[in-house]
Amino acid sequence: MASALRTPRTRKPGVRRISVSLNEQTYHALDRIRRERKFENRSQAVADMVMHQMAVHQQDLGDEVMAGTLTLVYDENKGTLLRDLTRIERDHVAEVISSLHVLLEENHVLEVILMQGPAKTLRTICDELVSCKGVKLGRLNLTPILLPPLHRRRP
């Protein structure tokens, strides 16, 4: 009877409510993450985790078009490394959109490469770049949310 008297909450358009049961330890871990990452509420924290897992899942599918960044740390003094990295990026000019180079200590460079394309292709580019002699670290982060078209071709 009490539920019949409740006024329905107004929902945001396009938002669906779900119910999740968690054991005590997981519940407290979620609250700790929510506080530490400064989410307004648990729903925001859970939505962030679901989006992350969707991106990971779509990366595994292979042909899904995704946007992302590849972060590299390398020693710029290693032989032909700079030439090799540039050649690989040029070979994939359709996927490599831009890059940012930051000079670090001891001749190291932090490079962040913005890319978009099929997840399998982006992973291949990552593997090619990371396997170059002198690259110390490489991490690929992808998202299913795409960049808008940068330029329209004129007829």
C-alpha atoms as a PDB file:
ATOM      1  CA  MET A   1       0.000   0.000   0.000  1.00  0.00           C
ATOM      2  CA  ALA A   2       2.817   2.419   0.844  1.00  0.00           C
ATOM      3  CA  SER A   3       4.346   2.099  -2.626  1.00  0.00           C
ATOM      4  CA  ALA A   4       1.064   3.137  -4.222  1.00  0.00           C
ATOM      5  CA  LEU A   5       1.213   6.436  -2.299  1.00  0.00           C
ATOM      6  CA  ARG A   6       4.767   7.290  -3.404  1.00  0.00           C
ATOM      7  CA  THR A   7       5.152   9.970  -6.022  1.00  0.00           C
ATOM      8  CA  PRO A   8       7.343   8.753  -8.866  1.00  0.00           C
ATOM      9  CA  ARG A   9      10.709  10.514  -9.112  1.00  0.00           C
ATOM     10  CA  THR A  10      11.311  12.474 -12.245  1.00  0.00           C
ATOM     11  CA  ARG A  11      13.990  10.748 -14.279  1.00  0.00           C
ATOM     12  CA  LYS A  12      16.494  12.359 -16.535  1.00  0.00           C
ATOM     13  CA  PRO A  13      15.746  11.519 -20.164  1.00  0.00           C
ATOM     14  CA  GLY A  14      17.799   8.565 -21.359  1.00  0.00           C
ATOM     15  CA  VAL A  15      18.712   7.438 -17.836  1.00  0.00           C
ATOM     16  CA  ARG A  16      17.772   3.984 -16.592  1.00  0.00           C
ATOM     17  CA  ARG A  17      17.849   2.835 -12.979  1.00  0.00           C
ATOM     18  CA  ILE A  18      19.253  -0.546 -11.974  1.00  0.00           C
ATOM     19  CA  SER A  19      19.674  -2.255  -8.647  1.00  0.00           C
ATOM     20  CA  VAL A  20      22.941  -3.926  -7.676  1.00  0.00           C
ATOM     21  CA  SER A  21      23.589  -6.117  -4.653  1.00  0.00           C
ATOM     22  CA  LEU A  22      27.131  -6.048  -3.250  1.00  0.00           C
ATOM     23  CA  ASN A  23      28.764  -7.888  -0.392  1.00  0.00           C
ATOM     24  CA  GLU A  24      29.891  -5.707   2.525  1.00  0.00           C
ATOM     25  CA  GLN A  25      33.551  -5.542   1.459  1.00  0.00           C
ATOM     26  CA  THR A  26      32.732  -4.551  -2.132  1.00  0.00           C
ATOM     27  CA  TYR A  27      30.185  -1.971  -0.929  1.00  0.00           C
ATOM     28  CA  HIS A  28      32.788  -0.271   1.284  1.00  0.00           C
ATOM     29  CA  ALA A  29      35.391  -0.437  -1.506  1.00  0.00           C
ATOM     30  CA  LEU A  30      32.927   1.302  -3.867  1.00  0.00           C
ATOM     31  CA  ASP A  31      32.289   4.036  -1.294  1.00  0.00           C
ATOM     32  CA  ARG A  32      36.037   4.507  -0.789  1.00  0.00           C
ATOM     33  CA  ILE A  33      36.555   4.837  -4.574  1.00  0.00           C
ATOM     34  CA  ARG A  34      33.642   7.282  -4.766  1.00  0.00           C
ATOM     35  CA  ARG A  35      35.171   9.479  -2.047  1.00  0.00           C
ATOM     36  CA  GLU A  36      38.770   9.279  -3.276  1.00  0.00           C
ATOM     37  CA  ARG A  37      37.899   9.998  -6.906  1.00  0.00           C
ATOM     38  CA  LYS A  38      35.383  12.668  -5.819  1.00  0.00           C
ATOM     39  CA  PHE A  39      32.356  11.241  -7.609  1.00  0.00           C
ATOM     40  CA  GLU A  40      29.126  12.928  -6.493  1.00  0.00           C
ATOM     41  CA  ASN A  41      27.447   9.581  -5.884  1.00  0.00           C
ATOM     42  CA  ARG A  42      27.798   5.799  -6.297  1.00  0.00           C
ATOM     43  CA  SER A  43      25.896   5.864  -9.595  1.00  0.00           C
ATOM     44  CA  GLN A  44      28.549   8.099 -11.131  1.00  0.00           C
ATOM     45  CA  ALA A  45      31.323   5.804  -9.870  1.00  0.00           C
ATOM     46  CA  VAL A  46      29.613   2.670 -11.198  1.00  0.00           C
ATOM     47  CA  ALA A  47      28.879   4.338 -14.568  1.00  0.00           C
ATOM     48  CA  ASP A  48      32.583   5.243 -14.901  1.00  0.00           C
ATOM     49  CA  MET A  49      33.597   1.645 -14.171  1.00  0.00           C
ATOM     50  CA  VAL A  50      31.063   0.278 -16.677  1.00  0.00           C
ATOM     51  CA  MET A  51      32.291   2.679 -19.398  1.00  0.00           C
ATOM     52  CA  HIS A  52      35.872   1.577 -18.725  1.00  0.00           C
ATOM     53  CA  GLN A  53      34.935  -2.090 -19.004  1.00  0.00           C
ATOM     54  CA  MET A  54      32.965  -1.423 -22.222  1.00  0.00           C
ATOM     55  CA  ALA A  55      36.077   0.152 -23.739  1.00  0.00           C
ATOM     56  CA  VAL A  56      38.200  -2.824 -22.670  1.00  0.00           C
ATOM     57  CA  HIS A  57      35.623  -5.230 -24.122  1.00  0.00           C
ATOM     58  CA  GLN A  58      35.408  -3.337 -27.416  1.00  0.00           C
ATOM     59  CA  GLN A  59      39.202  -3.323 -27.708  1.00  0.00           C
ATOM     60  CA  ASP A  60      39.058  -7.094 -27.578  1.00  0.00           C
ATOM     61  CA  LEU A  61      36.519  -7.220 -30.432  1.00  0.00           C
ATOM     62  CA  GLY A  62      39.099  -5.864 -32.849  1.00  0.00           C
ATOM     63  CA  ASP A  63      37.145  -4.146 -35.622  1.00  0.00           C
ATOM     64  CA  GLU A  64      35.347  -1.597 -33.454  1.00  0.00           C
ATOM     65  CA  VAL A  65      36.432   1.965 -34.343  1.00  0.00           C
ATOM     66  CA  MET A  66      37.803   3.683 -31.262  1.00  0.00           C
ATOM     67  CA  ALA A  67      39.692   6.833 -30.293  1.00  0.00           C
ATOM     68  CA  GLY A  68      42.535   6.892 -27.856  1.00  0.00           C
ATOM     69  CA  THR A  69      46.006   7.793 -26.815  1.00  0.00           C
ATOM     70  CA  LEU A  70      49.272   5.941 -26.887  1.00  0.00           C
ATOM     71  CA  THR A  71      51.755   7.146 -24.281  1.00  0.00           C
ATOM     72  CA  LEU A  72      55.413   6.388 -24.944  1.00  0.00           C
ATOM     73  CA  VAL A  73      58.547   7.074 -22.927  1.00  0.00           C
ATOM     74  CA  TYR A  74      61.799   6.654 -24.834  1.00  0.00           C
ATOM     75  CA  ASP A  75      65.475   7.566 -24.935  1.00  0.00           C
ATOM     76  CA  GLU A  76      65.916   9.931 -27.882  1.00  0.00           C
ATOM     77  CA  ASN A  77      69.637   9.078 -28.151  1.00  0.00           C
ATOM     78  CA  LYS A  78      69.045   5.465 -29.191  1.00  0.00           C
ATOM     79  CA  GLY A  79      70.371   5.087 -32.734  1.00  0.00           C
ATOM     80  CA  THR A  80      67.644   5.383 -35.334  1.00  0.00           C
ATOM     81  CA  LEU A  81      64.763   5.485 -32.836  1.00  0.00           C
ATOM     82  CA  LEU A  82      63.371   8.905 -33.791  1.00  0.00           C
ATOM     83  CA  ARG A  83      63.464   8.019 -37.490  1.00  0.00           C
ATOM     84  CA  ASP A  84      61.806   4.628 -36.796  1.00  0.00           C
ATOM     85  CA  LEU A  85      59.025   6.171 -34.692  1.00  0.00           C
ATOM     86  CA  THR A  86      58.352   8.829 -37.325  1.00  0.00           C
ATOM     87  CA  ARG A  87      58.251   6.233 -40.128  1.00  0.00           C
ATOM     88  CA  ILE A  88      55.734   4.086 -38.228  1.00  0.00           C
ATOM     89  CA  GLU A  89      53.527   7.093 -37.481  1.00  0.00           C
ATOM     90  CA  ARG A  90      53.651   8.164 -41.164  1.00  0.00           C
ATOM     91  CA  ASP A  91      52.799   4.615 -42.254  1.00  0.00           C
ATOM     92  CA  HIS A  92      49.593   5.003 -40.209  1.00  0.00           C
ATOM     93  CA  VAL A  93      48.776   8.636 -41.050  1.00  0.00           C
ATOM     94  CA  ALA A  94      45.066   7.727 -41.414  1.00  0.00           C
ATOM     95  CA  GLU A  95      44.943   6.693 -37.739  1.00  0.00           C
ATOM     96  CA  VAL A  96      47.568   8.982 -36.144  1.00  0.00           C
ATOM     97  CA  ILE A  97      45.947  12.370 -35.627  1.00  0.00           C
ATOM     98  CA  SER A  98      48.562  14.250 -33.626  1.00  0.00           C
ATOM     99  CA  SER A  99      51.301  13.872 -31.048  1.00  0.00           C
ATOM    100  CA  LEU A 100      52.735  15.827 -28.165  1.00  0.00           C
ATOM    101  CA  HIS A 101      56.405  15.544 -27.192  1.00  0.00           C
ATOM    102  CA  VAL A 102      57.576  16.524 -23.718  1.00  0.00           C
ATOM    103  CA  LEU A 103      61.277  16.538 -22.909  1.00  0.00           C
ATOM    104  CA  LEU A 104      62.119  14.624 -19.728  1.00  0.00           C
ATOM    105  CA  GLU A 105      65.350  14.222 -17.794  1.00  0.00           C
ATOM    106  CA  GLU A 106      68.351  12.351 -19.125  1.00  0.00           C
ATOM    107  CA  ASN A 107      67.466  12.549 -22.847  1.00  0.00           C
ATOM    108  CA  HIS A 108      64.089  10.890 -22.337  1.00  0.00           C
ATOM    109  CA  VAL A 109      60.939  11.977 -24.125  1.00  0.00           C
ATOM    110  CA  LEU A 110      57.297  11.504 -23.153  1.00  0.00           C
ATOM    111  CA  GLU A 111      55.200  11.293 -26.314  1.00  0.00           C
ATOM    112  CA  VAL A 112      51.421  11.166 -26.327  1.00  0.00           C
ATOM    113  CA  ILE A 113      49.917  10.132 -29.664  1.00  0.00           C
ATOM    114  CA  LEU A 114      46.227  10.776 -30.401  1.00  0.00           C
ATOM    115  CA  MET A 115      44.755   8.083 -32.671  1.00  0.00           C
ATOM    116  CA  GLN A 116      41.435   6.864 -34.043  1.00  0.00           C
ATOM    117  CA  GLY A 117      40.614   3.750 -36.037  1.00  0.00           C
ATOM    118  CA  PRO A 118      39.784   0.049 -35.680  1.00  0.00           C
ATOM    119  CA  ALA A 119      40.964  -1.200 -32.273  1.00  0.00           C
ATOM    120  CA  LYS A 120      42.992  -3.990 -33.887  1.00  0.00           C
ATOM    121  CA  THR A 121      44.859  -1.463 -36.074  1.00  0.00           C
ATOM    122  CA  LEU A 122      45.543   0.830 -33.116  1.00  0.00           C
ATOM    123  CA  ARG A 123      46.883  -2.098 -31.136  1.00  0.00           C
ATOM    124  CA  THR A 124      49.148  -3.032 -34.092  1.00  0.00           C
ATOM    125  CA  ILE A 125      50.482   0.550 -34.234  1.00  0.00           C
ATOM    126  CA  CYS A 126      51.112   0.415 -30.492  1.00  0.00           C
ATOM    127  CA  ASP A 127      52.990  -2.878 -30.787  1.00  0.00           C
ATOM    128  CA  GLU A 128      55.132  -1.536 -33.650  1.00  0.00           C
ATOM    129  CA  LEU A 129      56.073   1.605 -31.731  1.00  0.00           C
ATOM    130  CA  VAL A 130      56.666  -0.071 -28.366  1.00  0.00           C
ATOM    131  CA  SER A 131      58.913  -2.729 -29.909  1.00  0.00           C
ATOM    132  CA  CYS A 132      61.368  -0.111 -31.221  1.00  0.00           C
ATOM    133  CA  LYS A 133      64.755  -0.221 -29.508  1.00  0.00           C
ATOM    134  CA  GLY A 134      64.959   2.618 -26.968  1.00  0.00           C
ATOM    135  CA  VAL A 135      61.250   2.692 -26.051  1.00  0.00           C
ATOM    136  CA  LYS A 136      61.018   2.204 -22.283  1.00  0.00           C
ATOM    137  CA  LEU A 137      57.243   2.289 -21.802  1.00  0.00           C
ATOM    138  CA  GLY A 138      54.136   2.175 -23.946  1.00  0.00           C
ATOM    139  CA  ARG A 139      50.515   2.284 -22.846  1.00  0.00           C
ATOM    140  CA  LEU A 140      47.437   2.333 -25.080  1.00  0.00           C
ATOM    141  CA  ASN A 141      44.163   3.765 -23.733  1.00  0.00           C
ATOM    142  CA  LEU A 142      41.077   3.518 -25.936  1.00  0.00           C
ATOM    143  CA  THR A 143      37.514   4.783 -25.713  1.00  0.00           C
ATOM    144  CA  PRO A 144      34.440   3.953 -27.803  1.00  0.00           C
ATOM    145  CA  ILE A 145      33.554   7.668 -27.920  1.00  0.00           C
ATOM    146  CA  LEU A 146      34.883   9.000 -31.230  1.00  0.00           C
ATOM    147  CA  LEU A 147      36.372  12.275 -32.387  1.00  0.00           C
ATOM    148  CA  PRO A 148      34.129  14.299 -34.686  1.00  0.00           C
ATOM    149  CA  PRO A 149      35.298  14.646 -38.292  1.00  0.00           C
ATOM    150  CA  LEU A 150      38.170  17.134 -38.266  1.00  0.00           C
ATOM    151  CA  HIS A 151      37.755  18.421 -41.832  1.00  0.00           C
ATOM    152  CA  ARG A 152      35.175  17.983 -44.508  1.00  0.00           C
ATOM    153  CA  ARG A 153      36.487  17.439 -48.029  1.00  0.00           C
ATOM    154  CA  ARG A 154      35.337  19.960 -50.578  1.00  0.00           C
ATOM    155  CA  PRO A 155      33.931  18.591 -53.839  1.00  0.00           C
END
